[in-house]
């Protein structure tokens, strides 16, 4: 079973691949039978997913806290 960090890395990689596909061939937004497809909104959603993955992955990284006592 993959760890959370591995799953987040996979989601991030898949999202980047989808963004690469969409930016290779631009598509217009359109409506068919009352259903709208907004590529601009879809790209914004993909970017939000990417930012979410980045923030979650950053929390997985080890960190140090430096403090200084006052006497």
PDB file of N, CA and C in Angstrom:
ATOM      1  N   UNK A   1       0.845  -1.181   0.000  1.00  0.00           N
ATOM      2  CA  UNK A   1       0.000   0.000   0.000  1.00  0.00           C
ATOM      3  C   UNK A   1       0.888   1.242   0.000  1.00  0.00           C
ATOM      4  N   UNK A   2       0.658   2.144  -0.942  1.00  0.00           N
ATOM      5  CA  UNK A   2       1.490   3.351  -1.001  1.00  0.00           C
ATOM      6  C   UNK A   2       1.231   4.269   0.195  1.00  0.00           C
ATOM      7  N   UNK A   3       2.258   4.993   0.574  1.00  0.00           N
ATOM      8  CA  UNK A   3       2.123   5.958   1.668  1.00  0.00           C
ATOM      9  C   UNK A   3       1.338   7.173   1.174  1.00  0.00           C
ATOM     10  N   UNK A   4       0.931   8.012   2.117  1.00  0.00           N
ATOM     11  CA  UNK A   4       0.229   9.246   1.742  1.00  0.00           C
ATOM     12  C   UNK A   4       1.089  10.100   0.824  1.00  0.00           C
ATOM     13  N   UNK A   5       2.366  10.219   1.146  1.00  0.00           N
ATOM     14  CA  UNK A   5       3.277  11.037   0.332  1.00  0.00           C
ATOM     15  C   UNK A   5       3.388  10.473  -1.083  1.00  0.00           C
ATOM     16  N   UNK A   6       3.438   9.151  -1.205  1.00  0.00           N
ATOM     17  CA  UNK A   6       3.506   8.532  -2.540  1.00  0.00           C
ATOM     18  C   UNK A   6       2.225   8.777  -3.321  1.00  0.00           C
ATOM     19  N   UNK A   7       1.088   8.695  -2.647  1.00  0.00           N
ATOM     20  CA  UNK A   7      -0.189   8.961  -3.321  1.00  0.00           C
ATOM     21  C   UNK A   7      -0.282  10.418  -3.761  1.00  0.00           C
ATOM     22  N   UNK A   8       0.153  11.340  -2.897  1.00  0.00           N
ATOM     23  CA  UNK A   8       0.155  12.751  -3.262  1.00  0.00           C
ATOM     24  C   UNK A   8       1.076  13.017  -4.448  1.00  0.00           C
ATOM     25  N   UNK A   9       2.236  12.372  -4.456  1.00  0.00           N
ATOM     26  CA  UNK A   9       3.169  12.535  -5.583  1.00  0.00           C
ATOM     27  C   UNK A   9       2.554  12.008  -6.870  1.00  0.00           C
ATOM     28  N   UNK A  10       1.800  10.919  -6.785  1.00  0.00           N
ATOM     29  CA  UNK A  10       1.130  10.368  -7.972  1.00  0.00           C
ATOM     30  C   UNK A  10       0.050  11.317  -8.468  1.00  0.00           C
ATOM     31  N   UNK A  11      -0.754  11.846  -7.548  1.00  0.00           N
ATOM     32  CA  UNK A  11      -1.797  12.811  -7.931  1.00  0.00           C
ATOM     33  C   UNK A  11      -1.163  14.024  -8.586  1.00  0.00           C
ATOM     34  N   UNK A  12      -0.065  14.503  -8.009  1.00  0.00           N
ATOM     35  CA  UNK A  12       0.629  15.672  -8.559  1.00  0.00           C
ATOM     36  C   UNK A  12       1.153  15.381  -9.968  1.00  0.00           C
ATOM     37  N   UNK A  13       1.766  14.219 -10.142  1.00  0.00           N
ATOM     38  CA  UNK A  13       2.308  13.852 -11.458  1.00  0.00           C
ATOM     39  C   UNK A  13       1.186  13.723 -12.490  1.00  0.00           C
ATOM     40  N   UNK A  14       0.068  13.117 -12.102  1.00  0.00           N
ATOM     41  CA  UNK A  14      -1.068  12.968 -13.022  1.00  0.00           C
ATOM     42  C   UNK A  14      -1.654  14.327 -13.395  1.00  0.00           C
ATOM     43  N   UNK A  15      -1.727  15.224 -12.418  1.00  0.00           N
ATOM     44  CA  UNK A  15      -2.257  16.565 -12.678  1.00  0.00           C
ATOM     45  C   UNK A  15      -1.342  17.332 -13.622  1.00  0.00           C
ATOM     46  N   UNK A  16      -0.027  17.242 -13.396  1.00  0.00           N
ATOM     47  CA  UNK A  16       0.923  17.898 -14.310  1.00  0.00           C
ATOM     48  C   UNK A  16       0.823  17.336 -15.721  1.00  0.00           C
ATOM     49  N   UNK A  17       0.648  16.027 -15.831  1.00  0.00           N
ATOM     50  CA  UNK A  17       0.510  15.402 -17.153  1.00  0.00           C
ATOM     51  C   UNK A  17      -0.745  15.903 -17.856  1.00  0.00           C
ATOM     52  N   UNK A  18      -1.840  16.032 -17.106  1.00  0.00           N
ATOM     53  CA  UNK A  18      -3.092  16.513 -17.698  1.00  0.00           C
ATOM     54  C   UNK A  18      -2.950  17.967 -18.145  1.00  0.00           C
ATOM     55  N   UNK A  19      -2.283  18.788 -17.328  1.00  0.00           N
ATOM     56  CA  UNK A  19      -2.051  20.182 -17.717  1.00  0.00           C
ATOM     57  C   UNK A  19      -1.213  20.241 -18.992  1.00  0.00           C
ATOM     58  N   UNK A  20      -0.195  19.390 -19.085  1.00  0.00           N
ATOM     59  CA  UNK A  20       0.646  19.352 -20.292  1.00  0.00           C
ATOM     60  C   UNK A  20      -0.179  18.978 -21.515  1.00  0.00           C
ATOM     61  N   UNK A  21      -1.080  18.006 -21.370  1.00  0.00           N
ATOM     62  CA  UNK A  21      -1.953  17.604 -22.488  1.00  0.00           C
ATOM     63  C   UNK A  21      -2.839  18.758 -22.937  1.00  0.00           C
ATOM     64  N   UNK A  22      -3.436  19.444 -21.969  1.00  0.00           N
ATOM     65  CA  UNK A  22      -4.374  20.520 -22.300  1.00  0.00           C
ATOM     66  C   UNK A  22      -3.691  21.732 -22.902  1.00  0.00           C
ATOM     67  N   UNK A  23      -2.466  22.006 -22.461  1.00  0.00           N
ATOM     68  CA  UNK A  23      -1.780  23.178 -23.000  1.00  0.00           C
ATOM     69  C   UNK A  23      -1.129  22.893 -24.352  1.00  0.00           C
ATOM     70  N   UNK A  24      -0.983  21.626 -24.703  1.00  0.00           N
ATOM     71  CA  UNK A  24      -0.416  21.282 -26.007  1.00  0.00           C
ATOM     72  C   UNK A  24      -1.383  21.645 -27.129  1.00  0.00           C
ATOM     73  N   UNK A  25      -2.661  21.425 -26.883  1.00  0.00           N
ATOM     74  CA  UNK A  25      -3.701  21.749 -27.875  1.00  0.00           C
ATOM     75  C   UNK A  25      -4.818  22.478 -27.142  1.00  0.00           C
ATOM     76  N   UNK A  26      -4.867  23.785 -27.328  1.00  0.00           N
ATOM     77  CA  UNK A  26      -5.872  24.595 -26.641  1.00  0.00           C
ATOM     78  C   UNK A  26      -7.265  24.241 -27.147  1.00  0.00           C
ATOM     79  N   UNK A  27      -8.229  24.186 -26.241  1.00  0.00           N
ATOM     80  CA  UNK A  27      -9.608  23.877 -26.597  1.00  0.00           C
ATOM     81  C   UNK A  27     -10.505  25.010 -26.118  1.00  0.00           C
ATOM     82  N   UNK A  28     -11.507  25.357 -26.915  1.00  0.00           N
ATOM     83  CA  UNK A  28     -12.424  26.424 -26.498  1.00  0.00           C
ATOM     84  C   UNK A  28     -13.464  25.892 -25.516  1.00  0.00           C
ATOM     85  N   UNK A  29     -14.021  26.803 -24.709  1.00  0.00           N
ATOM     86  CA  UNK A  29     -15.153  26.433 -23.864  1.00  0.00           C
ATOM     87  C   UNK A  29     -16.386  26.333 -24.750  1.00  0.00           C
ATOM     88  N   UNK A  30     -17.342  25.491 -24.362  1.00  0.00           N
ATOM     89  CA  UNK A  30     -18.528  25.309 -25.182  1.00  0.00           C
ATOM     90  C   UNK A  30     -19.696  24.802 -24.342  1.00  0.00           C
ATOM     91  N   UNK A  31     -20.888  24.838 -24.933  1.00  0.00           N
ATOM     92  CA  UNK A  31     -22.096  24.301 -24.302  1.00  0.00           C
ATOM     93  C   UNK A  31     -22.777  23.362 -25.284  1.00  0.00           C
ATOM     94  N   UNK A  32     -23.244  22.226 -24.781  1.00  0.00           N
ATOM     95  CA  UNK A  32     -23.975  21.257 -25.593  1.00  0.00           C
ATOM     96  C   UNK A  32     -25.169  20.777 -24.775  1.00  0.00           C
ATOM     97  N   UNK A  33     -26.359  20.975 -25.324  1.00  0.00           N
ATOM     98  CA  UNK A  33     -27.589  20.535 -24.651  1.00  0.00           C
ATOM     99  C   UNK A  33     -27.663  21.011 -23.205  1.00  0.00           C
ATOM    100  N   UNK A  34     -27.292  22.242 -22.968  1.00  0.00           N
ATOM    101  CA  UNK A  34     -27.376  22.820 -21.639  1.00  0.00           C
ATOM    102  C   UNK A  34     -26.219  22.491 -20.712  1.00  0.00           C
ATOM    103  N   UNK A  35     -25.285  21.660 -21.161  1.00  0.00           N
ATOM    104  CA  UNK A  35     -24.118  21.323 -20.341  1.00  0.00           C
ATOM    105  C   UNK A  35     -22.929  22.140 -20.834  1.00  0.00           C
ATOM    106  N   UNK A  36     -22.322  22.880 -19.905  1.00  0.00           N
ATOM    107  CA  UNK A  36     -21.193  23.744 -20.265  1.00  0.00           C
ATOM    108  C   UNK A  36     -19.873  23.090 -19.901  1.00  0.00           C
ATOM    109  N   UNK A  37     -18.890  23.311 -20.757  1.00  0.00           N
ATOM    110  CA  UNK A  37     -17.530  22.863 -20.494  1.00  0.00           C
ATOM    111  C   UNK A  37     -16.644  24.102 -20.592  1.00  0.00           C
ATOM    112  N   UNK A  38     -16.071  24.480 -19.451  1.00  0.00           N
ATOM    113  CA  UNK A  38     -15.202  25.651 -19.407  1.00  0.00           C
ATOM    114  C   UNK A  38     -13.772  25.176 -19.186  1.00  0.00           C
ATOM    115  N   UNK A  39     -12.960  25.241 -20.240  1.00  0.00           N
ATOM    116  CA  UNK A  39     -11.574  24.804 -20.132  1.00  0.00           C
ATOM    117  C   UNK A  39     -10.783  25.715 -19.216  1.00  0.00           C
ATOM    118  N   UNK A  40     -11.154  26.990 -19.168  1.00  0.00           N
ATOM    119  CA  UNK A  40     -10.479  27.929 -18.273  1.00  0.00           C
ATOM    120  C   UNK A  40     -10.700  27.509 -16.822  1.00  0.00           C
ATOM    121  N   UNK A  41     -11.941  27.172 -16.474  1.00  0.00           N
ATOM    122  CA  UNK A  41     -12.241  26.734 -15.112  1.00  0.00           C
ATOM    123  C   UNK A  41     -11.567  25.399 -14.812  1.00  0.00           C
ATOM    124  N   UNK A  42     -11.551  24.507 -15.794  1.00  0.00           N
ATOM    125  CA  UNK A  42     -10.914  23.204 -15.607  1.00  0.00           C
ATOM    126  C   UNK A  42      -9.419  23.371 -15.326  1.00  0.00           C
ATOM    127  N   UNK A  43      -8.768  24.263 -16.069  1.00  0.00           N
ATOM    128  CA  UNK A  43      -7.349  24.529 -15.837  1.00  0.00           C
ATOM    129  C   UNK A  43      -7.140  25.136 -14.448  1.00  0.00           C
ATOM    130  N   UNK A  44      -8.028  26.033 -14.031  1.00  0.00           N
ATOM    131  CA  UNK A  44      -7.921  26.623 -12.694  1.00  0.00           C
ATOM    132  C   UNK A  44      -8.069  25.539 -11.627  1.00  0.00           C
ATOM    133  N   UNK A  45      -8.980  24.600 -11.850  1.00  0.00           N
ATOM    134  CA  UNK A  45      -9.161  23.491 -10.904  1.00  0.00           C
ATOM    135  C   UNK A  45      -7.912  22.613 -10.846  1.00  0.00           C
ATOM    136  N   UNK A  46      -7.308  22.354 -12.001  1.00  0.00           N
ATOM    137  CA  UNK A  46      -6.086  21.552 -12.030  1.00  0.00           C
ATOM    138  C   UNK A  46      -4.950  22.260 -11.298  1.00  0.00           C
ATOM    139  N   UNK A  47      -4.838  23.564 -11.502  1.00  0.00           N
ATOM    140  CA  UNK A  47      -3.801  24.331 -10.803  1.00  0.00           C
ATOM    141  C   UNK A  47      -4.034  24.317  -9.295  1.00  0.00           C
ATOM    142  N   UNK A  48      -5.289  24.407  -8.878  1.00  0.00           N
ATOM    143  CA  UNK A  48      -5.613  24.348  -7.452  1.00  0.00           C
ATOM    144  C   UNK A  48      -5.236  22.980  -6.875  1.00  0.00           C
ATOM    145  N   UNK A  49      -5.482  21.927  -7.646  1.00  0.00           N
ATOM    146  CA  UNK A  49      -5.095  20.585  -7.210  1.00  0.00           C
ATOM    147  C   UNK A  49      -3.585  20.494  -7.060  1.00  0.00           C
ATOM    148  N   UNK A  50      -2.863  21.065  -8.006  1.00  0.00           N
ATOM    149  CA  UNK A  50      -1.409  21.067  -7.960  1.00  0.00           C
ATOM    150  C   UNK A  50      -0.895  21.813  -6.725  1.00  0.00           C
ATOM    151  N   UNK A  51      -1.463  22.976  -6.449  1.00  0.00           N
ATOM    152  CA  UNK A  51      -1.069  23.748  -5.266  1.00  0.00           C
ATOM    153  C   UNK A  51      -1.390  22.984  -3.983  1.00  0.00           C
ATOM    154  N   UNK A  52      -2.543  22.301  -3.950  1.00  0.00           N
ATOM    155  CA  UNK A  52      -2.927  21.519  -2.783  1.00  0.00           C
ATOM    156  C   UNK A  52      -1.917  20.395  -2.563  1.00  0.00           C
ATOM    157  N   UNK A  53      -1.562  19.693  -3.638  1.00  0.00           N
ATOM    158  CA  UNK A  53      -0.574  18.612  -3.518  1.00  0.00           C
ATOM    159  C   UNK A  53       0.759  19.153  -3.017  1.00  0.00           C
ATOM    160  N   UNK A  54       1.200  20.274  -3.567  1.00  0.00           N
ATOM    161  CA  UNK A  54       2.468  20.869  -3.142  1.00  0.00           C
ATOM    162  C   UNK A  54       2.442  21.212  -1.654  1.00  0.00           C
ATOM    163  N   UNK A  55       1.340  21.781  -1.180  1.00  0.00           N
ATOM    164  CA  UNK A  55       1.274  22.157   0.235  1.00  0.00           C
ATOM    165  C   UNK A  55       1.248  20.924   1.129  1.00  0.00           C
ATOM    166  N   UNK A  56       0.540  19.887   0.713  1.00  0.00           N
ATOM    167  CA  UNK A  56       0.480  18.656   1.507  1.00  0.00           C
ATOM    168  C   UNK A  56       1.842  17.944   1.510  1.00  0.00           C
ATOM    169  N   UNK A  57       2.506  17.932   0.370  1.00  0.00           N
ATOM    170  CA  UNK A  57       3.824  17.303   0.296  1.00  0.00           C
ATOM    171  C   UNK A  57       4.843  18.069   1.143  1.00  0.00           C
ATOM    172  N   UNK A  58       4.719  19.382   1.186  1.00  0.00           N
ATOM    173  CA  UNK A  58       5.631  20.187   1.994  1.00  0.00           C
ATOM    174  C   UNK A  58       5.471  19.845   3.472  1.00  0.00           C
ATOM    175  N   UNK A  59       4.253  19.499   3.886  1.00  0.00           N
ATOM    176  CA  UNK A  59       4.029  19.135   5.286  1.00  0.00           C
ATOM    177  C   UNK A  59       4.615  17.765   5.612  1.00  0.00           C
ATOM    178  N   UNK A  60       4.857  16.946   4.585  1.00  0.00           N
ATOM    179  CA  UNK A  60       5.441  15.626   4.786  1.00  0.00           C
ATOM    180  C   UNK A  60       6.953  15.688   4.999  1.00  0.00           C
ATOM    181  N   UNK A  61       7.563  16.797   4.587  1.00  0.00           N
ATOM    182  CA  UNK A  61       9.011  16.950   4.703  1.00  0.00           C
ATOM    183  C   UNK A  61       9.411  17.096   6.164  1.00  0.00           C
ATOM    184  N   UNK A  62      10.548  16.551   6.531  1.00  0.00           N
ATOM    185  CA  UNK A  62      11.022  16.770   7.902  1.00  0.00           C
ATOM    186  C   UNK A  62      11.390  18.236   8.114  1.00  0.00           C
ATOM    187  N   UNK A  63      11.280  18.688   9.344  1.00  0.00           N
ATOM    188  CA  UNK A  63      11.599  20.092   9.633  1.00  0.00           C
ATOM    189  C   UNK A  63      12.240  20.193  11.001  1.00  0.00           C
ATOM    190  N   UNK A  64      12.871  21.326  11.240  1.00  0.00           N
ATOM    191  CA  UNK A  64      13.500  21.606  12.519  1.00  0.00           C
ATOM    192  C   UNK A  64      12.911  22.881  13.089  1.00  0.00           C
ATOM    193  N   UNK A  65      12.839  22.917  14.397  1.00  0.00           N
ATOM    194  CA  UNK A  65      12.435  24.135  15.067  1.00  0.00           C
ATOM    195  C   UNK A  65      13.607  24.610  15.914  1.00  0.00           C
ATOM    196  N   UNK A  66      14.058  25.822  15.672  1.00  0.00           N
ATOM    197  CA  UNK A  66      15.158  26.404  16.434  1.00  0.00           C
ATOM    198  C   UNK A  66      14.554  27.355  17.452  1.00  0.00           C
ATOM    199  N   UNK A  67      14.958  27.189  18.687  1.00  0.00           N
ATOM    200  CA  UNK A  67      14.469  28.099  19.729  1.00  0.00           C
ATOM    201  C   UNK A  67      15.633  28.477  20.649  1.00  0.00           C
ATOM    202  N   UNK A  68      15.428  29.517  21.368  1.00  0.00           N
ATOM    203  CA  UNK A  68      16.459  29.993  22.273  1.00  0.00           C
ATOM    204  C   UNK A  68      15.790  30.381  23.577  1.00  0.00           C
ATOM    205  N   UNK A  69      16.312  29.855  24.653  1.00  0.00           N
ATOM    206  CA  UNK A  69      15.760  30.186  25.966  1.00  0.00           C
ATOM    207  C   UNK A  69      16.366  31.463  26.504  1.00  0.00           C
ATOM    208  N   UNK A  70      15.595  32.164  27.290  1.00  0.00           N
ATOM    209  CA  UNK A  70      16.056  33.394  27.923  1.00  0.00           C
ATOM    210  C   UNK A  70      16.114  33.134  29.421  1.00  0.00           C
ATOM    211  N   UNK A  71      17.263  33.429  30.033  1.00  0.00           N
ATOM    212  CA  UNK A  71      17.377  33.196  31.475  1.00  0.00           C
ATOM    213  C   UNK A  71      17.449  34.474  32.244  1.00  0.00           C
TER     214      UNK A  71
END
